[in-house]
Amino acid sequence: MDTATGLREFARRFAAEWATPLTARDGFTEEELDAAEARLGARLPGTLREAYRLFGRRADLTSNHDTLLAPSELYVLDGALVFRSENQGAVNWGVRSADSGLADPATFVRADLADKSAERWEPWLDGLTRTVQEILLSEALHASEDLCDGRDLEEDDVERLERAFTARPDSPPRGDAGSPAPT
């Protein structure tokens, strides 16, 4: 299964089971994505383009805490195309500009530091598909109180969670992107 198909299946199943099913109105149009590419002077990574087309307008899936930038808000910072920003602007996520035309490039994070000379793009995950999945999963943790309650775990919660869910065995530890950081 290619990464685009896997992402579509994951996103559709996740949205249907966690929130509400995806609809054609949940994504940006090809024209909006083309306009972003023209403004940037570069192609969007295939996975990012697919995510925007499928659910880019669904703030409940992408922006409960941190923000998936709209295509019109994408920008380049020190050699990377920035597509996500932490809720207080303390961290940005991006892909190397040189890799933006790839289907599934590695992703990087960059902290906004007081000492700007110390800021660097650091490896995040080895593929944008995993990053988009991480966005969906992590933003779900900050969903409405109907879905998340932020309570302390009860005695049998861990056992129930372990029975109901399995970890993704193919997920690398954070920071193992396998590609050099943007320069």
C-alpha atoms as a PDB file:
ATOM      1  CA  MET A   1       0.000   0.000   0.000  1.00  0.00           C
ATOM      2  CA  ASP A   2       1.435   3.416  -0.932  1.00  0.00           C
ATOM      3  CA  THR A   3       1.695   6.206   1.647  1.00  0.00           C
ATOM      4  CA  ALA A   4      -1.188   8.238   0.168  1.00  0.00           C
ATOM      5  CA  THR A   5      -3.552   5.261   0.316  1.00  0.00           C
ATOM      6  CA  GLY A   6      -2.446   4.415   3.842  1.00  0.00           C
ATOM      7  CA  LEU A   7      -2.931   8.002   4.985  1.00  0.00           C
ATOM      8  CA  ARG A   8      -6.401   8.199   3.396  1.00  0.00           C
ATOM      9  CA  GLU A   9      -7.502   4.962   5.063  1.00  0.00           C
ATOM     10  CA  PHE A  10      -6.058   5.935   8.445  1.00  0.00           C
ATOM     11  CA  ALA A  11      -7.568   9.452   8.359  1.00  0.00           C
ATOM     12  CA  ARG A  12     -10.990   8.276   7.226  1.00  0.00           C
ATOM     13  CA  ARG A  13     -11.195   5.532   9.853  1.00  0.00           C
ATOM     14  CA  PHE A  14      -9.823   7.769  12.584  1.00  0.00           C
ATOM     15  CA  ALA A  15     -12.201  10.662  11.820  1.00  0.00           C
ATOM     16  CA  ALA A  16     -15.218   8.360  11.575  1.00  0.00           C
ATOM     17  CA  GLU A  17     -14.475   6.630  14.861  1.00  0.00           C
ATOM     18  CA  TRP A  18     -13.087   9.566  16.845  1.00  0.00           C
ATOM     19  CA  ALA A  19     -15.053  12.562  15.609  1.00  0.00           C
ATOM     20  CA  THR A  20     -17.276  12.684  12.515  1.00  0.00           C
ATOM     21  CA  PRO A  21     -16.667  11.094   9.116  1.00  0.00           C
ATOM     22  CA  LEU A  22     -14.733  13.089   6.541  1.00  0.00           C
ATOM     23  CA  THR A  23     -16.686  14.844   3.810  1.00  0.00           C
ATOM     24  CA  ALA A  24     -15.673  16.526   0.551  1.00  0.00           C
ATOM     25  CA  ARG A  25     -16.032  19.932   2.280  1.00  0.00           C
ATOM     26  CA  ASP A  26     -13.362  19.068   4.875  1.00  0.00           C
ATOM     27  CA  GLY A  27     -10.445  19.636   2.541  1.00  0.00           C
ATOM     28  CA  PHE A  28      -8.911  22.420   0.525  1.00  0.00           C
ATOM     29  CA  THR A  29      -9.476  22.519  -3.215  1.00  0.00           C
ATOM     30  CA  GLU A  30      -6.875  21.756  -5.843  1.00  0.00           C
ATOM     31  CA  GLU A  31      -7.028  25.433  -6.825  1.00  0.00           C
ATOM     32  CA  GLU A  32      -6.184  26.542  -3.267  1.00  0.00           C
ATOM     33  CA  LEU A  33      -3.284  24.105  -3.106  1.00  0.00           C
ATOM     34  CA  ASP A  34      -2.050  25.171  -6.540  1.00  0.00           C
ATOM     35  CA  ALA A  35      -2.184  28.822  -5.394  1.00  0.00           C
ATOM     36  CA  ALA A  36      -0.062  27.993  -2.345  1.00  0.00           C
ATOM     37  CA  GLU A  37       2.499  26.242  -4.547  1.00  0.00           C
ATOM     38  CA  ALA A  38       2.595  29.211  -6.934  1.00  0.00           C
ATOM     39  CA  ARG A  39       3.072  31.645  -4.037  1.00  0.00           C
ATOM     40  CA  LEU A  40       5.847  29.515  -2.528  1.00  0.00           C
ATOM     41  CA  GLY A  41       7.448  28.725  -5.859  1.00  0.00           C
ATOM     42  CA  ALA A  42       7.635  25.058  -4.885  1.00  0.00           C
ATOM     43  CA  ARG A  43       5.541  21.905  -4.917  1.00  0.00           C
ATOM     44  CA  LEU A  44       3.955  20.718  -1.698  1.00  0.00           C
ATOM     45  CA  PRO A  45       4.999  17.266  -0.514  1.00  0.00           C
ATOM     46  CA  GLY A  46       2.496  14.700  -1.756  1.00  0.00           C
ATOM     47  CA  THR A  47       1.505  13.622   1.757  1.00  0.00           C
ATOM     48  CA  LEU A  48       0.893  17.198   2.882  1.00  0.00           C
ATOM     49  CA  ARG A  49      -1.148  17.945  -0.221  1.00  0.00           C
ATOM     50  CA  GLU A  50      -3.219  14.794   0.407  1.00  0.00           C
ATOM     51  CA  ALA A  51      -3.798  15.750   4.065  1.00  0.00           C
ATOM     52  CA  TYR A  52      -4.950  19.231   3.055  1.00  0.00           C
ATOM     53  CA  ARG A  53      -7.286  17.746   0.410  1.00  0.00           C
ATOM     54  CA  LEU A  54      -8.794  15.228   2.847  1.00  0.00           C
ATOM     55  CA  PHE A  55      -9.173  17.137   6.122  1.00  0.00           C
ATOM     56  CA  GLY A  56      -7.191  20.392   6.035  1.00  0.00           C
ATOM     57  CA  ARG A  57     -10.214  22.465   7.113  1.00  0.00           C
ATOM     58  CA  ARG A  58     -11.033  20.164  10.050  1.00  0.00           C
ATOM     59  CA  ALA A  59      -9.668  22.103  13.025  1.00  0.00           C
ATOM     60  CA  ASP A  60     -11.152  19.429  15.321  1.00  0.00           C
ATOM     61  CA  LEU A  61      -8.663  16.964  13.795  1.00  0.00           C
ATOM     62  CA  THR A  62      -5.666  19.240  13.213  1.00  0.00           C
ATOM     63  CA  SER A  63      -5.717  22.284  15.475  1.00  0.00           C
ATOM     64  CA  ASN A  64      -7.108  21.643  18.954  1.00  0.00           C
ATOM     65  CA  HIS A  65      -3.763  22.569  20.509  1.00  0.00           C
ATOM     66  CA  ASP A  66      -1.159  23.202  17.825  1.00  0.00           C
ATOM     67  CA  THR A  67      -2.084  24.559  14.400  1.00  0.00           C
ATOM     68  CA  LEU A  68      -1.853  22.989  10.968  1.00  0.00           C
ATOM     69  CA  LEU A  69      -1.268  26.102   8.866  1.00  0.00           C
ATOM     70  CA  ALA A  70      -3.710  26.738   6.033  1.00  0.00           C
ATOM     71  CA  PRO A  71      -2.129  26.528   2.576  1.00  0.00           C
ATOM     72  CA  SER A  72      -2.260  30.326   2.348  1.00  0.00           C
ATOM     73  CA  GLU A  73      -0.228  30.537   5.586  1.00  0.00           C
ATOM     74  CA  LEU A  74       2.623  28.202   4.598  1.00  0.00           C
ATOM     75  CA  TYR A  75       6.052  29.827   4.548  1.00  0.00           C
ATOM     76  CA  VAL A  76       9.741  29.030   4.253  1.00  0.00           C
ATOM     77  CA  LEU A  77      12.080  29.540   7.220  1.00  0.00           C
ATOM     78  CA  ASP A  78      15.812  28.840   6.969  1.00  0.00           C
ATOM     79  CA  GLY A  79      15.571  26.141   4.348  1.00  0.00           C
ATOM     80  CA  ALA A  80      12.325  24.495   5.460  1.00  0.00           C
ATOM     81  CA  LEU A  81       8.693  24.713   4.423  1.00  0.00           C
ATOM     82  CA  VAL A  82       6.773  25.372   7.661  1.00  0.00           C
ATOM     83  CA  PHE A  83       3.356  23.668   7.869  1.00  0.00           C
ATOM     84  CA  ARG A  84       2.553  23.519  11.612  1.00  0.00           C
ATOM     85  CA  SER A  85       3.004  25.799  14.582  1.00  0.00           C
ATOM     86  CA  GLU A  86       2.825  25.122  18.316  1.00  0.00           C
ATOM     87  CA  ASN A  87      -0.076  26.914  20.020  1.00  0.00           C
ATOM     88  CA  GLN A  88       2.128  29.655  21.510  1.00  0.00           C
ATOM     89  CA  GLY A  89       4.566  29.843  18.603  1.00  0.00           C
ATOM     90  CA  ALA A  90       7.317  28.102  20.578  1.00  0.00           C
ATOM     91  CA  VAL A  91       7.912  25.382  17.967  1.00  0.00           C
ATOM     92  CA  ASN A  92       7.407  24.973  14.220  1.00  0.00           C
ATOM     93  CA  TRP A  93       7.286  21.819  12.115  1.00  0.00           C
ATOM     94  CA  GLY A  94       8.613  21.721   8.574  1.00  0.00           C
ATOM     95  CA  VAL A  95      10.164  19.770   5.733  1.00  0.00           C
ATOM     96  CA  ARG A  96      13.380  20.679   3.989  1.00  0.00           C
ATOM     97  CA  SER A  97      12.585  22.945   1.040  1.00  0.00           C
ATOM     98  CA  ALA A  98      14.830  20.774  -1.115  1.00  0.00           C
ATOM     99  CA  ASP A  99      12.562  17.806  -0.272  1.00  0.00           C
ATOM    100  CA  SER A 100       9.216  19.586  -0.634  1.00  0.00           C
ATOM    101  CA  GLY A 101       8.512  17.912  -3.994  1.00  0.00           C
ATOM    102  CA  LEU A 102       8.900  14.420  -2.506  1.00  0.00           C
ATOM    103  CA  ALA A 103       5.860  12.378  -1.598  1.00  0.00           C
ATOM    104  CA  ASP A 104       6.847  11.582   1.993  1.00  0.00           C
ATOM    105  CA  PRO A 105       9.887  13.575   3.170  1.00  0.00           C
ATOM    106  CA  ALA A 106      11.331  13.566   6.677  1.00  0.00           C
ATOM    107  CA  THR A 107      10.025  16.236   9.037  1.00  0.00           C
ATOM    108  CA  PHE A 108      11.864  18.559  11.380  1.00  0.00           C
ATOM    109  CA  VAL A 109      11.062  20.782  14.361  1.00  0.00           C
ATOM    110  CA  ARG A 110      12.524  24.128  15.282  1.00  0.00           C
ATOM    111  CA  ALA A 111      12.151  25.759  18.673  1.00  0.00           C
ATOM    112  CA  ASP A 112      11.705  29.526  18.855  1.00  0.00           C
ATOM    113  CA  LEU A 113      14.507  30.453  21.260  1.00  0.00           C
ATOM    114  CA  ALA A 114      15.500  33.720  22.914  1.00  0.00           C
ATOM    115  CA  ASP A 115      18.957  33.208  21.410  1.00  0.00           C
ATOM    116  CA  LYS A 116      18.045  33.140  17.707  1.00  0.00           C
ATOM    117  CA  SER A 117      21.568  32.024  16.791  1.00  0.00           C
ATOM    118  CA  ALA A 118      20.925  28.767  18.681  1.00  0.00           C
ATOM    119  CA  GLU A 119      17.803  27.879  16.680  1.00  0.00           C
ATOM    120  CA  ARG A 120      18.184  24.799  14.491  1.00  0.00           C
ATOM    121  CA  TRP A 121      15.951  22.466  12.565  1.00  0.00           C
ATOM    122  CA  GLU A 122      16.097  19.149  14.447  1.00  0.00           C
ATOM    123  CA  PRO A 123      14.911  15.771  13.093  1.00  0.00           C
ATOM    124  CA  TRP A 124      11.347  14.849  14.088  1.00  0.00           C
ATOM    125  CA  LEU A 125      10.016  11.834  12.160  1.00  0.00           C
ATOM    126  CA  ASP A 126      11.332   9.999   9.113  1.00  0.00           C
ATOM    127  CA  GLY A 127       8.234  10.563   6.996  1.00  0.00           C
ATOM    128  CA  LEU A 128       5.517  13.161   6.662  1.00  0.00           C
ATOM    129  CA  THR A 129       2.900  10.394   6.702  1.00  0.00           C
ATOM    130  CA  ARG A 130       3.899   9.512  10.259  1.00  0.00           C
ATOM    131  CA  THR A 131       3.872  13.188  11.175  1.00  0.00           C
ATOM    132  CA  VAL A 132       0.343  13.634   9.822  1.00  0.00           C
ATOM    133  CA  GLN A 133      -0.767  10.556  11.765  1.00  0.00           C
ATOM    134  CA  GLU A 134       0.920  12.020  14.852  1.00  0.00           C
ATOM    135  CA  ILE A 135      -0.969  15.284  14.299  1.00  0.00           C
ATOM    136  CA  LEU A 136      -4.312  13.467  14.171  1.00  0.00           C
ATOM    137  CA  LEU A 137      -3.507  11.414  17.264  1.00  0.00           C
ATOM    138  CA  SER A 138      -1.974  14.175  19.376  1.00  0.00           C
ATOM    139  CA  GLU A 139      -4.679  16.710  18.509  1.00  0.00           C
ATOM    140  CA  ALA A 140      -7.280  14.148  19.603  1.00  0.00           C
ATOM    141  CA  LEU A 141      -5.775  14.356  23.085  1.00  0.00           C
ATOM    142  CA  HIS A 142      -6.887  17.998  23.181  1.00  0.00           C
ATOM    143  CA  ALA A 143     -10.363  17.450  21.747  1.00  0.00           C
ATOM    144  CA  SER A 144     -13.583  18.571  23.391  1.00  0.00           C
ATOM    145  CA  GLU A 145     -14.434  17.272  26.842  1.00  0.00           C
ATOM    146  CA  ASP A 146     -16.967  14.928  25.233  1.00  0.00           C
ATOM    147  CA  LEU A 147     -14.012  12.940  23.887  1.00  0.00           C
ATOM    148  CA  CYS A 148     -11.263  13.731  26.410  1.00  0.00           C
ATOM    149  CA  ASP A 149     -11.548  14.350  30.099  1.00  0.00           C
ATOM    150  CA  GLY A 150      -7.932  14.766  31.241  1.00  0.00           C
ATOM    151  CA  ARG A 151      -8.676  12.839  34.404  1.00  0.00           C
ATOM    152  CA  ASP A 152      -6.351  10.711  36.479  1.00  0.00           C
ATOM    153  CA  LEU A 153      -6.233   7.061  35.489  1.00  0.00           C
ATOM    154  CA  GLU A 154      -8.321   4.651  37.489  1.00  0.00           C
ATOM    155  CA  GLU A 155      -7.044   1.251  38.565  1.00  0.00           C
ATOM    156  CA  ASP A 156      -8.360  -0.732  35.569  1.00  0.00           C
ATOM    157  CA  ASP A 157      -7.833   1.980  32.902  1.00  0.00           C
ATOM    158  CA  VAL A 158      -4.375   0.845  31.813  1.00  0.00           C
ATOM    159  CA  GLU A 159      -5.504  -2.757  31.390  1.00  0.00           C
ATOM    160  CA  ARG A 160      -8.585  -1.673  29.394  1.00  0.00           C
ATOM    161  CA  LEU A 161      -6.443   0.567  27.167  1.00  0.00           C
ATOM    162  CA  GLU A 162      -3.894  -2.180  26.554  1.00  0.00           C
ATOM    163  CA  ARG A 163      -6.684  -4.564  25.528  1.00  0.00           C
ATOM    164  CA  ALA A 164      -8.307  -2.010  23.215  1.00  0.00           C
ATOM    165  CA  PHE A 165      -5.256  -0.470  21.555  1.00  0.00           C
ATOM    166  CA  THR A 166      -1.836  -1.516  20.394  1.00  0.00           C
ATOM    167  CA  ALA A 167       1.217   0.674  19.897  1.00  0.00           C
ATOM    168  CA  ARG A 168       2.507   1.142  16.376  1.00  0.00           C
ATOM    169  CA  PRO A 169       5.574  -1.124  16.378  1.00  0.00           C
ATOM    170  CA  ASP A 170       7.007   0.622  13.314  1.00  0.00           C
ATOM    171  CA  SER A 171       7.031   4.091  14.915  1.00  0.00           C
ATOM    172  CA  PRO A 172      10.560   5.370  15.483  1.00  0.00           C
ATOM    173  CA  PRO A 173      11.511   7.267  18.594  1.00  0.00           C
ATOM    174  CA  ARG A 174      11.168  11.024  18.163  1.00  0.00           C
ATOM    175  CA  GLY A 175      14.146  12.676  16.618  1.00  0.00           C
ATOM    176  CA  ASP A 176      15.006   9.704  14.413  1.00  0.00           C
ATOM    177  CA  ALA A 177      14.227  11.310  11.055  1.00  0.00           C
ATOM    178  CA  GLY A 178      17.232   9.825   9.281  1.00  0.00           C
ATOM    179  CA  SER A 179      17.867  12.910   7.152  1.00  0.00           C
ATOM    180  CA  PRO A 180      20.132  15.880   7.688  1.00  0.00           C
ATOM    181  CA  ALA A 181      18.438  18.983   9.033  1.00  0.00           C
ATOM    182  CA  PRO A 182      17.682  21.906   6.725  1.00  0.00           C
ATOM    183  CA  THR A 183      20.453  24.459   6.451  1.00  0.00           C
END
